[in-house]
């Protein structure tokens, strides 16, 4: 009876790991979609996003996903949704924890 419960727990953990990994990939894909398709540099360069000071630089990064305009007066504008990076990293860590725990349940005692 205990083995049956353990196998069910192990299977449930693998399902959670897969769902969390899917959530991480989806969040990153949404952010990447915004990063690739929106022309943030032109929006900032023509001062549509902020009209206080001229554009100084663009900060872009894939991890964490960043596409930010930095203006001369220190103001910033980012088009990546605020929730993308926290959801991506939290889901990735939780998926890894679930997978590690499921693998731990699957080991054979010696």
PDB file of N, CA and C in Angstrom:
ATOM      1  N   UNK A   1       0.816  -1.187   0.000  1.00  0.00           N
ATOM      2  CA  UNK A   1       0.000   0.000   0.000  1.00  0.00           C
ATOM      3  C   UNK A   1       0.863   1.256   0.000  1.00  0.00           C
ATOM      4  N   UNK A   2       1.948   1.261   0.747  1.00  0.00           N
ATOM      5  CA  UNK A   2       2.828   2.425   0.809  1.00  0.00           C
ATOM      6  C   UNK A   2       3.505   2.658  -0.540  1.00  0.00           C
ATOM      7  N   UNK A   3       3.854   1.578  -1.236  1.00  0.00           N
ATOM      8  CA  UNK A   3       4.500   1.703  -2.542  1.00  0.00           C
ATOM      9  C   UNK A   3       3.553   2.337  -3.545  1.00  0.00           C
ATOM     10  N   UNK A   4       2.287   1.955  -3.495  1.00  0.00           N
ATOM     11  CA  UNK A   4       1.308   2.532  -4.411  1.00  0.00           C
ATOM     12  C   UNK A   4       1.170   4.037  -4.173  1.00  0.00           C
ATOM     13  N   UNK A   5       1.154   4.457  -2.916  1.00  0.00           N
ATOM     14  CA  UNK A   5       1.074   5.879  -2.586  1.00  0.00           C
ATOM     15  C   UNK A   5       2.320   6.619  -3.034  1.00  0.00           C
ATOM     16  N   UNK A   6       3.481   5.987  -2.891  1.00  0.00           N
ATOM     17  CA  UNK A   6       4.741   6.587  -3.301  1.00  0.00           C
ATOM     18  C   UNK A   6       4.800   6.765  -4.818  1.00  0.00           C
ATOM     19  N   UNK A   7       4.323   5.785  -5.558  1.00  0.00           N
ATOM     20  CA  UNK A   7       4.315   5.883  -7.017  1.00  0.00           C
ATOM     21  C   UNK A   7       3.361   6.979  -7.478  1.00  0.00           C
ATOM     22  N   UNK A   8       2.211   7.101  -6.798  1.00  0.00           N
ATOM     23  CA  UNK A   8       1.277   8.161  -7.132  1.00  0.00           C
ATOM     24  C   UNK A   8       1.878   9.530  -6.854  1.00  0.00           C
ATOM     25  N   UNK A   9       2.593   9.636  -5.753  1.00  0.00           N
ATOM     26  CA  UNK A   9       3.261  10.900  -5.414  1.00  0.00           C
ATOM     27  C   UNK A   9       4.332  11.221  -6.447  1.00  0.00           C
ATOM     28  N   UNK A  10       5.091  10.211  -6.828  1.00  0.00           N
ATOM     29  CA  UNK A  10       6.157  10.414  -7.817  1.00  0.00           C
ATOM     30  C   UNK A  10       5.565  10.883  -9.149  1.00  0.00           C
ATOM     31  N   UNK A  11       4.513  10.235  -9.592  1.00  0.00           N
ATOM     32  CA  UNK A  11       3.862  10.605 -10.846  1.00  0.00           C
ATOM     33  C   UNK A  11       3.306  12.032 -10.771  1.00  0.00           C
ATOM     34  N   UNK A  12       2.692  12.355  -9.638  1.00  0.00           N
ATOM     35  CA  UNK A  12       2.145  13.702  -9.443  1.00  0.00           C
ATOM     36  C   UNK A  12       3.257  14.753  -9.505  1.00  0.00           C
ATOM     37  N   UNK A  13       4.396  14.464  -8.918  1.00  0.00           N
ATOM     38  CA  UNK A  13       5.519  15.399  -8.956  1.00  0.00           C
ATOM     39  C   UNK A  13       6.021  15.608 -10.383  1.00  0.00           C
ATOM     40  N   UNK A  14       6.081  14.531 -11.168  1.00  0.00           N
ATOM     41  CA  UNK A  14       6.514  14.675 -12.570  1.00  0.00           C
ATOM     42  C   UNK A  14       5.512  15.519 -13.359  1.00  0.00           C
ATOM     43  N   UNK A  15       4.219  15.338 -13.078  1.00  0.00           N
ATOM     44  CA  UNK A  15       3.190  16.147 -13.758  1.00  0.00           C
ATOM     45  C   UNK A  15       3.344  17.612 -13.381  1.00  0.00           C
ATOM     46  N   UNK A  16       3.540  17.884 -12.085  1.00  0.00           N
ATOM     47  CA  UNK A  16       3.747  19.272 -11.652  1.00  0.00           C
ATOM     48  C   UNK A  16       5.006  19.867 -12.283  1.00  0.00           C
ATOM     49  N   UNK A  17       6.066  19.069 -12.361  1.00  0.00           N
ATOM     50  CA  UNK A  17       7.308  19.549 -12.972  1.00  0.00           C
ATOM     51  C   UNK A  17       7.073  19.915 -14.437  1.00  0.00           C
ATOM     52  N   UNK A  18       6.327  19.081 -15.139  1.00  0.00           N
ATOM     53  CA  UNK A  18       6.033  19.366 -16.555  1.00  0.00           C
ATOM     54  C   UNK A  18       5.168  20.616 -16.705  1.00  0.00           C
ATOM     55  N   UNK A  19       4.155  20.758 -15.850  1.00  0.00           N
ATOM     56  CA  UNK A  19       3.294  21.940 -15.912  1.00  0.00           C
ATOM     57  C   UNK A  19       4.065  23.221 -15.588  1.00  0.00           C
ATOM     58  N   UNK A  20       4.918  23.152 -14.592  1.00  0.00           N
ATOM     59  CA  UNK A  20       5.712  24.325 -14.225  1.00  0.00           C
ATOM     60  C   UNK A  20       6.725  24.672 -15.315  1.00  0.00           C
ATOM     61  N   UNK A  21       7.319  23.672 -15.928  1.00  0.00           N
ATOM     62  CA  UNK A  21       8.251  23.937 -17.033  1.00  0.00           C
ATOM     63  C   UNK A  21       7.511  24.567 -18.213  1.00  0.00           C
ATOM     64  N   UNK A  22       6.302  24.099 -18.470  1.00  0.00           N
ATOM     65  CA  UNK A  22       5.485  24.678 -19.538  1.00  0.00           C
ATOM     66  C   UNK A  22       5.136  26.127 -19.228  1.00  0.00           C
ATOM     67  N   UNK A  23       4.832  26.408 -17.972  1.00  0.00           N
ATOM     68  CA  UNK A  23       4.552  27.781 -17.554  1.00  0.00           C
ATOM     69  C   UNK A  23       5.776  28.670 -17.765  1.00  0.00           C
ATOM     70  N   UNK A  24       6.954  28.173 -17.425  1.00  0.00           N
ATOM     71  CA  UNK A  24       8.185  28.942 -17.604  1.00  0.00           C
ATOM     72  C   UNK A  24       8.434  29.239 -19.081  1.00  0.00           C
ATOM     73  N   UNK A  25       8.280  28.229 -19.917  1.00  0.00           N
ATOM     74  CA  UNK A  25       8.495  28.410 -21.354  1.00  0.00           C
ATOM     75  C   UNK A  25       7.478  29.387 -21.938  1.00  0.00           C
ATOM     76  N   UNK A  26       6.238  29.285 -21.501  1.00  0.00           N
ATOM     77  CA  UNK A  26       5.192  30.190 -22.001  1.00  0.00           C
ATOM     78  C   UNK A  26       5.476  31.636 -21.596  1.00  0.00           C
ATOM     79  N   UNK A  27       5.848  31.854 -20.343  1.00  0.00           N
ATOM     80  CA  UNK A  27       6.156  33.215 -19.882  1.00  0.00           C
ATOM     81  C   UNK A  27       7.322  33.789 -20.669  1.00  0.00           C
ATOM     82  N   UNK A  28       8.361  32.995 -20.870  1.00  0.00           N
ATOM     83  CA  UNK A  28       9.522  33.468 -21.621  1.00  0.00           C
ATOM     84  C   UNK A  28       9.150  33.746 -23.074  1.00  0.00           C
ATOM     85  N   UNK A  29       8.309  32.900 -23.647  1.00  0.00           N
ATOM     86  CA  UNK A  29       7.880  33.096 -25.038  1.00  0.00           C
ATOM     87  C   UNK A  29       7.089  34.389 -25.192  1.00  0.00           C
ATOM     88  N   UNK A  30       6.239  34.706 -24.225  1.00  0.00           N
ATOM     89  CA  UNK A  30       5.492  35.967 -24.285  1.00  0.00           C
ATOM     90  C   UNK A  30       6.457  37.147 -24.254  1.00  0.00           C
ATOM     91  N   UNK A  31       7.411  37.115 -23.338  1.00  0.00           N
ATOM     92  CA  UNK A  31       8.398  38.188 -23.258  1.00  0.00           C
ATOM     93  C   UNK A  31       9.250  38.290 -24.507  1.00  0.00           C
ATOM     94  N   UNK A  32       9.660  37.161 -25.050  1.00  0.00           N
ATOM     95  CA  UNK A  32      10.468  37.152 -26.268  1.00  0.00           C
ATOM     96  C   UNK A  32       9.668  37.671 -27.459  1.00  0.00           C
ATOM     97  N   UNK A  33       8.404  37.321 -27.510  1.00  0.00           N
ATOM     98  CA  UNK A  33       7.514  37.818 -28.561  1.00  0.00           C
ATOM     99  C   UNK A  33       7.454  39.346 -28.525  1.00  0.00           C
ATOM    100  N   UNK A  34       7.262  39.893 -27.342  1.00  0.00           N
ATOM    101  CA  UNK A  34       7.221  41.359 -27.190  1.00  0.00           C
ATOM    102  C   UNK A  34       8.567  41.956 -27.581  1.00  0.00           C
ATOM    103  N   UNK A  35       9.655  41.334 -27.120  1.00  0.00           N
ATOM    104  CA  UNK A  35      11.001  41.846 -27.378  1.00  0.00           C
ATOM    105  C   UNK A  35      11.329  41.865 -28.867  1.00  0.00           C
ATOM    106  N   UNK A  36      10.919  40.835 -29.566  1.00  0.00           N
ATOM    107  CA  UNK A  36      11.263  40.735 -30.987  1.00  0.00           C
ATOM    108  C   UNK A  36      10.350  41.544 -31.898  1.00  0.00           C
ATOM    109  N   UNK A  37       9.091  41.666 -31.557  1.00  0.00           N
ATOM    110  CA  UNK A  37       8.144  42.294 -32.478  1.00  0.00           C
ATOM    111  C   UNK A  37       7.889  43.778 -32.233  1.00  0.00           C
ATOM    112  N   UNK A  38       8.058  44.234 -31.013  1.00  0.00           N
ATOM    113  CA  UNK A  38       7.838  45.654 -30.760  1.00  0.00           C
ATOM    114  C   UNK A  38       9.121  46.403 -31.032  1.00  0.00           C
ATOM    115  N   UNK A  39       9.011  47.547 -31.637  1.00  0.00           N
ATOM    116  CA  UNK A  39      10.176  48.344 -31.993  1.00  0.00           C
ATOM    117  C   UNK A  39      10.435  49.385 -30.910  1.00  0.00           C
ATOM    118  N   UNK A  40      10.890  48.906 -29.785  1.00  0.00           N
ATOM    119  CA  UNK A  40      11.102  49.765 -28.629  1.00  0.00           C
ATOM    120  C   UNK A  40      12.142  50.841 -28.896  1.00  0.00           C
ATOM    121  N   UNK A  41      13.200  50.501 -29.616  1.00  0.00           N
ATOM    122  CA  UNK A  41      14.238  51.490 -29.886  1.00  0.00           C
ATOM    123  C   UNK A  41      13.702  52.674 -30.695  1.00  0.00           C
ATOM    124  N   UNK A  42      12.810  52.406 -31.639  1.00  0.00           N
ATOM    125  CA  UNK A  42      12.221  53.496 -32.417  1.00  0.00           C
ATOM    126  C   UNK A  42      11.216  54.293 -31.591  1.00  0.00           C
ATOM    127  N   UNK A  43      10.450  53.588 -30.762  1.00  0.00           N
ATOM    128  CA  UNK A  43       9.486  54.276 -29.891  1.00  0.00           C
ATOM    129  C   UNK A  43      10.230  55.231 -28.958  1.00  0.00           C
ATOM    130  N   UNK A  44      11.324  54.773 -28.386  1.00  0.00           N
ATOM    131  CA  UNK A  44      12.094  55.618 -27.474  1.00  0.00           C
ATOM    132  C   UNK A  44      12.883  56.687 -28.226  1.00  0.00           C
ATOM    133  N   UNK A  45      13.445  56.324 -29.373  1.00  0.00           N
ATOM    134  CA  UNK A  45      14.240  57.268 -30.150  1.00  0.00           C
ATOM    135  C   UNK A  45      13.437  58.453 -30.653  1.00  0.00           C
ATOM    136  N   UNK A  46      12.184  58.226 -30.981  1.00  0.00           N
ATOM    137  CA  UNK A  46      11.309  59.309 -31.444  1.00  0.00           C
ATOM    138  C   UNK A  46      10.542  59.964 -30.309  1.00  0.00           C
ATOM    139  N   UNK A  47      10.900  59.598 -29.075  1.00  0.00           N
ATOM    140  CA  UNK A  47      10.328  60.152 -27.850  1.00  0.00           C
ATOM    141  C   UNK A  47       8.813  59.961 -27.751  1.00  0.00           C
ATOM    142  N   UNK A  48       8.324  58.802 -28.218  1.00  0.00           N
ATOM    143  CA  UNK A  48       6.912  58.478 -28.029  1.00  0.00           C
ATOM    144  C   UNK A  48       6.669  57.915 -26.629  1.00  0.00           C
ATOM    145  N   UNK A  49       7.661  57.241 -26.066  1.00  0.00           N
ATOM    146  CA  UNK A  49       7.514  56.624 -24.751  1.00  0.00           C
ATOM    147  C   UNK A  49       7.794  57.617 -23.630  1.00  0.00           C
ATOM    148  N   UNK A  50       8.712  58.547 -23.865  1.00  0.00           N
ATOM    149  CA  UNK A  50       9.111  59.508 -22.837  1.00  0.00           C
ATOM    150  C   UNK A  50       9.631  60.739 -23.550  1.00  0.00           C
ATOM    151  N   UNK A  51       9.097  61.890 -23.218  1.00  0.00           N
ATOM    152  CA  UNK A  51       9.501  63.095 -23.934  1.00  0.00           C
ATOM    153  C   UNK A  51      10.337  64.049 -23.095  1.00  0.00           C
ATOM    154  N   UNK A  52      10.895  63.564 -21.983  1.00  0.00           N
ATOM    155  CA  UNK A  52      11.658  64.430 -21.106  1.00  0.00           C
ATOM    156  C   UNK A  52      13.091  64.646 -21.537  1.00  0.00           C
ATOM    157  N   UNK A  53      13.750  63.628 -22.021  1.00  0.00           N
ATOM    158  CA  UNK A  53      15.163  63.725 -22.378  1.00  0.00           C
ATOM    159  C   UNK A  53      15.444  62.797 -23.550  1.00  0.00           C
ATOM    160  N   UNK A  54      16.544  63.025 -24.266  1.00  0.00           N
ATOM    161  CA  UNK A  54      16.872  62.149 -25.388  1.00  0.00           C
ATOM    162  C   UNK A  54      17.332  60.760 -24.921  1.00  0.00           C
ATOM    163  N   UNK A  55      17.227  59.809 -25.818  1.00  0.00           N
ATOM    164  CA  UNK A  55      17.628  58.430 -25.552  1.00  0.00           C
ATOM    165  C   UNK A  55      19.146  58.344 -25.435  1.00  0.00           C
ATOM    166  N   UNK A  56      19.636  57.707 -24.370  1.00  0.00           N
ATOM    167  CA  UNK A  56      21.066  57.529 -24.178  1.00  0.00           C
ATOM    168  C   UNK A  56      21.513  56.149 -24.677  1.00  0.00           C
ATOM    169  N   UNK A  57      20.783  55.100 -24.271  1.00  0.00           N
ATOM    170  CA  UNK A  57      21.179  53.742 -24.659  1.00  0.00           C
ATOM    171  C   UNK A  57      20.000  52.783 -24.548  1.00  0.00           C
ATOM    172  N   UNK A  58      20.173  51.634 -25.188  1.00  0.00           N
ATOM    173  CA  UNK A  58      19.229  50.517 -25.067  1.00  0.00           C
ATOM    174  C   UNK A  58      19.933  49.411 -24.296  1.00  0.00           C
ATOM    175  N   UNK A  59      19.250  48.845 -23.324  1.00  0.00           N
ATOM    176  CA  UNK A  59      19.774  47.689 -22.594  1.00  0.00           C
ATOM    177  C   UNK A  59      18.952  46.482 -22.997  1.00  0.00           C
ATOM    178  N   UNK A  60      19.613  45.503 -23.569  1.00  0.00           N
ATOM    179  CA  UNK A  60      18.926  44.275 -23.970  1.00  0.00           C
ATOM    180  C   UNK A  60      19.673  43.075 -23.408  1.00  0.00           C
ATOM    181  N   UNK A  61      18.910  42.062 -23.031  1.00  0.00           N
ATOM    182  CA  UNK A  61      19.484  40.848 -22.481  1.00  0.00           C
ATOM    183  C   UNK A  61      18.474  39.715 -22.649  1.00  0.00           C
ATOM    184  N   UNK A  62      18.991  38.515 -22.844  1.00  0.00           N
ATOM    185  CA  UNK A  62      18.113  37.350 -22.953  1.00  0.00           C
ATOM    186  C   UNK A  62      17.845  36.694 -21.605  1.00  0.00           C
ATOM    187  N   UNK A  63      18.779  36.784 -20.666  1.00  0.00           N
ATOM    188  CA  UNK A  63      18.569  36.257 -19.314  1.00  0.00           C
ATOM    189  C   UNK A  63      19.115  37.249 -18.313  1.00  0.00           C
ATOM    190  N   UNK A  64      18.346  37.918 -17.529  1.00  0.00           N
ATOM    191  CA  UNK A  64      16.898  38.004 -17.603  1.00  0.00           C
ATOM    192  C   UNK A  64      16.475  38.768 -18.857  1.00  0.00           C
ATOM    193  N   UNK A  65      15.296  38.491 -19.311  1.00  0.00           N
ATOM    194  CA  UNK A  65      14.790  39.105 -20.533  1.00  0.00           C
ATOM    195  C   UNK A  65      14.588  40.594 -20.295  1.00  0.00           C
ATOM    196  N   UNK A  66      15.348  41.405 -21.028  1.00  0.00           N
ATOM    197  CA  UNK A  66      15.324  42.851 -20.830  1.00  0.00           C
ATOM    198  C   UNK A  66      15.383  43.555 -22.173  1.00  0.00           C
ATOM    199  N   UNK A  67      14.578  44.576 -22.315  1.00  0.00           N
ATOM    200  CA  UNK A  67      14.627  45.462 -23.477  1.00  0.00           C
ATOM    201  C   UNK A  67      14.211  46.842 -22.968  1.00  0.00           C
ATOM    202  N   UNK A  68      15.181  47.588 -22.482  1.00  0.00           N
ATOM    203  CA  UNK A  68      14.913  48.826 -21.763  1.00  0.00           C
ATOM    204  C   UNK A  68      15.597  50.010 -22.428  1.00  0.00           C
ATOM    205  N   UNK A  69      14.860  51.102 -22.555  1.00  0.00           N
ATOM    206  CA  UNK A  69      15.425  52.372 -23.013  1.00  0.00           C
ATOM    207  C   UNK A  69      15.904  53.136 -21.781  1.00  0.00           C
ATOM    208  N   UNK A  70      17.107  53.680 -21.862  1.00  0.00           N
ATOM    209  CA  UNK A  70      17.630  54.521 -20.790  1.00  0.00           C
ATOM    210  C   UNK A  70      17.812  55.917 -21.372  1.00  0.00           C
ATOM    211  N   UNK A  71      17.214  56.903 -20.715  1.00  0.00           N
ATOM    212  CA  UNK A  71      17.270  58.278 -21.197  1.00  0.00           C
ATOM    213  C   UNK A  71      18.354  59.061 -20.463  1.00  0.00           C
ATOM    214  N   UNK A  72      18.731  60.190 -21.020  1.00  0.00           N
ATOM    215  CA  UNK A  72      19.809  61.021 -20.469  1.00  0.00           C
ATOM    216  C   UNK A  72      19.569  61.418 -19.012  1.00  0.00           C
ATOM    217  N   UNK A  73      18.332  61.636 -18.619  1.00  0.00           N
ATOM    218  CA  UNK A  73      18.046  62.058 -17.247  1.00  0.00           C
ATOM    219  C   UNK A  73      17.882  60.883 -16.284  1.00  0.00           C
ATOM    220  N   UNK A  74      18.150  59.660 -16.745  1.00  0.00           N
ATOM    221  CA  UNK A  74      18.079  58.477 -15.892  1.00  0.00           C
ATOM    222  C   UNK A  74      16.748  57.741 -15.930  1.00  0.00           C
ATOM    223  N   UNK A  75      15.752  58.300 -16.586  1.00  0.00           N
ATOM    224  CA  UNK A  75      14.454  57.623 -16.698  1.00  0.00           C
ATOM    225  C   UNK A  75      14.605  56.390 -17.593  1.00  0.00           C
ATOM    226  N   UNK A  76      13.783  55.391 -17.340  1.00  0.00           N
ATOM    227  CA  UNK A  76      13.816  54.171 -18.146  1.00  0.00           C
ATOM    228  C   UNK A  76      12.419  53.816 -18.630  1.00  0.00           C
ATOM    229  N   UNK A  77      12.388  53.070 -19.729  1.00  0.00           N
ATOM    230  CA  UNK A  77      11.131  52.549 -20.270  1.00  0.00           C
ATOM    231  C   UNK A  77      11.400  51.131 -20.746  1.00  0.00           C
ATOM    232  N   UNK A  78      10.607  50.195 -20.270  1.00  0.00           N
ATOM    233  CA  UNK A  78      10.755  48.802 -20.675  1.00  0.00           C
ATOM    234  C   UNK A  78       9.440  48.303 -21.242  1.00  0.00           C
ATOM    235  N   UNK A  79       9.523  47.564 -22.331  1.00  0.00           N
ATOM    236  CA  UNK A  79       8.303  47.035 -22.930  1.00  0.00           C
ATOM    237  C   UNK A  79       8.030  45.585 -22.529  1.00  0.00           C
ATOM    238  N   UNK A  80       8.976  44.939 -21.873  1.00  0.00           N
ATOM    239  CA  UNK A  80       8.766  43.564 -21.415  1.00  0.00           C
ATOM    240  C   UNK A  80       7.808  43.621 -20.216  1.00  0.00           C
ATOM    241  N   UNK A  81       6.727  42.842 -20.225  1.00  0.00           N
ATOM    242  CA  UNK A  81       5.809  42.848 -19.080  1.00  0.00           C
ATOM    243  C   UNK A  81       6.548  42.525 -17.775  1.00  0.00           C
ATOM    244  N   UNK A  82       6.172  43.193 -16.718  1.00  0.00           N
ATOM    245  CA  UNK A  82       6.854  43.084 -15.434  1.00  0.00           C
ATOM    246  C   UNK A  82       6.829  41.647 -14.893  1.00  0.00           C
ATOM    247  N   UNK A  83       5.804  40.898 -15.181  1.00  0.00           N
ATOM    248  CA  UNK A  83       5.639  39.567 -14.606  1.00  0.00           C
ATOM    249  C   UNK A  83       6.458  38.491 -15.309  1.00  0.00           C
ATOM    250  N   UNK A  84       7.009  38.759 -16.480  1.00  0.00           N
ATOM    251  CA  UNK A  84       7.657  37.712 -17.281  1.00  0.00           C
ATOM    252  C   UNK A  84       8.846  37.083 -16.556  1.00  0.00           C
ATOM    253  N   UNK A  85       9.809  37.867 -16.120  1.00  0.00           N
ATOM    254  CA  UNK A  85      11.008  37.303 -15.491  1.00  0.00           C
ATOM    255  C   UNK A  85      10.722  36.606 -14.167  1.00  0.00           C
ATOM    256  N   UNK A  86       9.927  37.190 -13.247  1.00  0.00           N
ATOM    257  CA  UNK A  86       9.636  36.452 -12.007  1.00  0.00           C
ATOM    258  C   UNK A  86       8.903  35.129 -12.251  1.00  0.00           C
ATOM    259  N   UNK A  87       7.934  35.133 -13.147  1.00  0.00           N
ATOM    260  CA  UNK A  87       7.205  33.889 -13.435  1.00  0.00           C
ATOM    261  C   UNK A  87       8.136  32.868 -14.073  1.00  0.00           C
ATOM    262  N   UNK A  88       8.977  33.308 -14.997  1.00  0.00           N
ATOM    263  CA  UNK A  88       9.905  32.398 -15.666  1.00  0.00           C
ATOM    264  C   UNK A  88      10.846  31.738 -14.657  1.00  0.00           C
ATOM    265  N   UNK A  89      11.527  32.541 -13.854  1.00  0.00           N
ATOM    266  CA  UNK A  89      12.512  31.977 -12.932  1.00  0.00           C
ATOM    267  C   UNK A  89      11.870  31.180 -11.800  1.00  0.00           C
ATOM    268  N   UNK A  90      10.762  31.651 -11.255  1.00  0.00           N
ATOM    269  CA  UNK A  90      10.092  30.907 -10.180  1.00  0.00           C
ATOM    270  C   UNK A  90       9.567  29.564 -10.683  1.00  0.00           C
ATOM    271  N   UNK A  91       8.984  29.557 -11.875  1.00  0.00           N
ATOM    272  CA  UNK A  91       8.468  28.307 -12.438  1.00  0.00           C
ATOM    273  C   UNK A  91       9.604  27.343 -12.755  1.00  0.00           C
ATOM    274  N   UNK A  92      10.710  27.873 -13.235  1.00  0.00           N
ATOM    275  CA  UNK A  92      11.860  27.030 -13.558  1.00  0.00           C
ATOM    276  C   UNK A  92      12.433  26.382 -12.301  1.00  0.00           C
ATOM    277  N   UNK A  93      12.574  27.149 -11.242  1.00  0.00           N
ATOM    278  CA  UNK A  93      13.098  26.620  -9.978  1.00  0.00           C
ATOM    279  C   UNK A  93      12.134  25.595  -9.391  1.00  0.00           C
ATOM    280  N   UNK A  94      10.849  25.901  -9.403  1.00  0.00           N
ATOM    281  CA  UNK A  94       9.856  24.961  -8.863  1.00  0.00           C
ATOM    282  C   UNK A  94       9.809  23.674  -9.682  1.00  0.00           C
ATOM    283  N   UNK A  95       9.924  23.781 -11.009  1.00  0.00           N
ATOM    284  CA  UNK A  95       9.938  22.583 -11.859  1.00  0.00           C
ATOM    285  C   UNK A  95      11.162  21.726 -11.545  1.00  0.00           C
ATOM    286  N   UNK A  96      12.305  22.363 -11.362  1.00  0.00           N
ATOM    287  CA  UNK A  96      13.521  21.612 -11.024  1.00  0.00           C
ATOM    288  C   UNK A  96      13.388  20.932  -9.665  1.00  0.00           C
ATOM    289  N   UNK A  97      12.775  21.623  -8.703  1.00  0.00           N
ATOM    290  CA  UNK A  97      12.584  21.035  -7.375  1.00  0.00           C
ATOM    291  C   UNK A  97      11.638  19.835  -7.441  1.00  0.00           C
ATOM    292  N   UNK A  98      10.552  19.958  -8.194  1.00  0.00           N
ATOM    293  CA  UNK A  98       9.610  18.838  -8.343  1.00  0.00           C
ATOM    294  C   UNK A  98      10.277  17.653  -9.041  1.00  0.00           C
ATOM    295  N   UNK A  99      11.052  17.931 -10.072  1.00  0.00           N
ATOM    296  CA  UNK A  99      11.737  16.849 -10.798  1.00  0.00           C
ATOM    297  C   UNK A  99      12.773  16.168  -9.911  1.00  0.00           C
ATOM    298  N   UNK A 100      13.502  16.954  -9.130  1.00  0.00           N
ATOM    299  CA  UNK A 100      14.502  16.373  -8.226  1.00  0.00           C
ATOM    300  C   UNK A 100      13.840  15.508  -7.157  1.00  0.00           C
ATOM    301  N   UNK A 101      12.736  15.985  -6.622  1.00  0.00           N
ATOM    302  CA  UNK A 101      12.026  15.210  -5.603  1.00  0.00           C
ATOM    303  C   UNK A 101      11.427  13.936  -6.198  1.00  0.00           C
ATOM    304  N   UNK A 102      10.906  14.018  -7.401  1.00  0.00           N
ATOM    305  CA  UNK A 102      10.363  12.822  -8.064  1.00  0.00           C
ATOM    306  C   UNK A 102      11.469  11.815  -8.338  1.00  0.00           C
ATOM    307  N   UNK A 103      12.626  12.290  -8.735  1.00  0.00           N
ATOM    308  CA  UNK A 103      13.763  11.396  -8.975  1.00  0.00           C
ATOM    309  C   UNK A 103      14.222  10.766  -7.662  1.00  0.00           C
ATOM    310  N   UNK A 104      14.184  11.541  -6.582  1.00  0.00           N
ATOM    311  CA  UNK A 104      14.559  11.017  -5.263  1.00  0.00           C
ATOM    312  C   UNK A 104      13.611   9.902  -4.844  1.00  0.00           C
ATOM    313  N   UNK A 105      12.313  10.075  -5.091  1.00  0.00           N
ATOM    314  CA  UNK A 105      11.341   9.026  -4.771  1.00  0.00           C
ATOM    315  C   UNK A 105      11.575   7.791  -5.634  1.00  0.00           C
ATOM    316  N   UNK A 106      12.123   7.960  -6.815  1.00  0.00           N
ATOM    317  CA  UNK A 106      12.300   6.851  -7.722  1.00  0.00           C
ATOM    318  C   UNK A 106      13.552   6.020  -7.503  1.00  0.00           C
ATOM    319  N   UNK A 107      14.437   6.479  -6.644  1.00  0.00           N
ATOM    320  CA  UNK A 107      15.686   5.733  -6.441  1.00  0.00           C
ATOM    321  C   UNK A 107      15.406   4.449  -5.681  1.00  0.00           C
ATOM    322  N   UNK A 108      16.202   3.479  -5.912  1.00  0.00           N
ATOM    323  CA  UNK A 108      16.018   2.170  -5.262  1.00  0.00           C
ATOM    324  C   UNK A 108      16.923   2.084  -4.048  1.00  0.00           C
ATOM    325  N   UNK A 109      16.397   1.672  -2.913  1.00  0.00           N
ATOM    326  CA  UNK A 109      17.238   1.535  -1.715  1.00  0.00           C
ATOM    327  C   UNK A 109      18.166   0.331  -1.841  1.00  0.00           C
ATOM    328  N   UNK A 110      19.335   0.456  -1.270  1.00  0.00           N
ATOM    329  CA  UNK A 110      20.314  -0.648  -1.345  1.00  0.00           C
ATOM    330  C   UNK A 110      20.464  -1.323  -0.020  1.00  0.00           C
TER     331      UNK A 110
END
